[in-house]
């Protein structure tokens, strides 16, 4: 986990970012929140397994695979949407993390 990361604040920011995406507007709020919660849980599990907190790099491709797999299992009716949702989810987290100064791009 990234030191100084406020998951609750981040989740709110990610929700706002995802809610504004045209293709996700058809998803009801409860489902969208559940998908975000599941994505966060899968993302945290990926980071723990990959040793990100101990200094291993965050591999976005591996994270994408882990999160996508978890969401396909949890939301089988949304399988067609999962890939684009995970792309948007990862982008929303990047925007949030950059906005609070937790990541920088070289």
Protein backbone atom coordinates (compact mmCIF):
# COMPACT_ATOMS: atom_id res chain seq x y z
CA UNK A 1 0.00 0.00 0.00
CA UNK A 2 1.21 3.51 -0.69
CA UNK A 3 2.19 5.29 2.50
CA UNK A 4 -0.12 8.24 3.13
CA UNK A 5 -2.89 6.86 0.94
CA UNK A 6 -6.40 7.52 2.21
CA UNK A 7 -8.45 4.71 0.67
CA UNK A 8 -11.79 6.30 1.56
CA UNK A 9 -10.86 9.64 -0.02
CA UNK A 10 -9.40 7.84 -3.01
CA UNK A 11 -12.50 5.71 -3.46
CA UNK A 12 -14.69 8.84 -3.46
CA UNK A 13 -12.45 10.45 -6.09
CA UNK A 14 -12.42 7.28 -8.19
CA UNK A 15 -16.22 7.03 -7.95
CA UNK A 16 -16.59 10.64 -9.14
CA UNK A 17 -14.20 10.02 -12.02
CA UNK A 18 -15.93 6.82 -13.08
CA UNK A 19 -19.45 8.23 -12.69
CA UNK A 20 -18.60 10.93 -15.24
CA UNK A 21 -17.72 8.40 -17.97
CA UNK A 22 -20.46 8.07 -20.55
CA UNK A 23 -20.26 4.27 -20.84
CA UNK A 24 -20.65 3.80 -17.10
CA UNK A 25 -23.66 6.06 -16.63
CA UNK A 26 -26.03 3.16 -17.26
CA UNK A 27 -24.74 1.32 -14.18
CA UNK A 28 -26.78 2.04 -11.07
CA UNK A 29 -24.96 3.61 -8.11
CA UNK A 30 -25.05 0.51 -5.90
CA UNK A 31 -23.52 -1.68 -8.61
CA UNK A 32 -20.88 0.91 -9.50
CA UNK A 33 -19.89 1.29 -5.84
CA UNK A 34 -19.76 -2.50 -5.46
CA UNK A 35 -17.56 -2.77 -8.56
CA UNK A 36 -15.23 -0.08 -7.24
CA UNK A 37 -15.04 -1.78 -3.83
CA UNK A 38 -14.27 -5.12 -5.50
CA UNK A 39 -11.65 -3.50 -7.75
CA UNK A 40 -9.97 -1.86 -4.75
CA UNK A 41 -9.92 -5.16 -2.86
CA UNK A 42 -8.41 -6.96 -5.88
CA UNK A 43 -5.90 -4.14 -6.39
CA UNK A 44 -4.80 -4.32 -2.75
CA UNK A 45 -4.50 -8.11 -2.98
CA UNK A 46 -2.37 -7.72 -6.11
CA UNK A 47 -0.10 -5.18 -4.38
CA UNK A 48 0.31 -7.40 -1.32
CA UNK A 49 1.12 -10.46 -3.45
CA UNK A 50 3.53 -8.51 -5.66
CA UNK A 51 5.34 -6.94 -2.70
CA UNK A 52 4.63 -3.36 -3.77
CA UNK A 53 4.76 -2.09 -0.19
CA UNK A 54 8.23 -3.61 0.17
CA UNK A 55 9.44 -1.71 -2.88
CA UNK A 56 8.52 -3.95 -5.80
CA UNK A 57 7.22 -2.03 -8.81
CA UNK A 58 3.50 -1.74 -9.45
CA UNK A 59 3.03 -3.53 -12.77
CA UNK A 60 -0.10 -2.08 -14.32
CA UNK A 61 -0.52 -5.04 -16.70
CA UNK A 62 -0.41 -7.54 -13.82
CA UNK A 63 -2.74 -5.36 -11.75
CA UNK A 64 -5.12 -5.12 -14.71
CA UNK A 65 -5.20 -8.91 -15.02
CA UNK A 66 -5.77 -9.44 -11.30
CA UNK A 67 -8.52 -6.84 -11.04
CA UNK A 68 -10.22 -7.96 -14.26
CA UNK A 69 -10.26 -11.58 -13.15
CA UNK A 70 -11.77 -10.71 -9.79
CA UNK A 71 -14.46 -8.53 -11.36
CA UNK A 72 -15.39 -11.11 -14.00
CA UNK A 73 -15.98 -13.65 -11.21
CA UNK A 74 -17.91 -11.26 -8.98
CA UNK A 75 -19.97 -9.57 -11.72
CA UNK A 76 -20.55 -12.18 -14.45
CA UNK A 77 -23.40 -10.13 -15.94
CA UNK A 78 -20.93 -7.27 -16.54
CA UNK A 79 -18.16 -9.31 -18.25
CA UNK A 80 -18.39 -7.27 -21.46
CA UNK A 81 -17.79 -4.08 -19.48
CA UNK A 82 -14.94 -5.27 -17.25
CA UNK A 83 -11.94 -4.44 -19.46
CA UNK A 84 -12.98 -0.86 -20.11
CA UNK A 85 -14.06 -0.44 -16.48
CA UNK A 86 -10.65 -1.58 -15.20
CA UNK A 87 -8.86 0.73 -17.64
CA UNK A 88 -10.98 3.63 -16.40
CA UNK A 89 -10.54 2.56 -12.76
CA UNK A 90 -6.74 2.50 -13.06
CA UNK A 91 -6.76 5.87 -14.82
CA UNK A 92 -8.99 7.39 -12.12
CA UNK A 93 -6.59 6.16 -9.42
CA UNK A 94 -3.63 7.65 -11.28
CA UNK A 95 -5.39 11.00 -11.50
CA UNK A 96 -6.22 10.91 -7.80
CA UNK A 97 -2.74 9.79 -6.68
CA UNK A 98 -1.10 12.47 -8.79
CA UNK A 99 -3.49 15.14 -7.46
CA UNK A 100 -2.50 14.40 -3.85
CA UNK A 101 1.19 14.15 -4.65
CA UNK A 102 1.60 10.42 -4.07
CA UNK A 103 2.97 9.66 -7.52
CA UNK A 104 5.03 11.62 -10.00
CA UNK A 105 5.90 10.96 -13.61
CA UNK A 106 9.48 11.37 -14.74
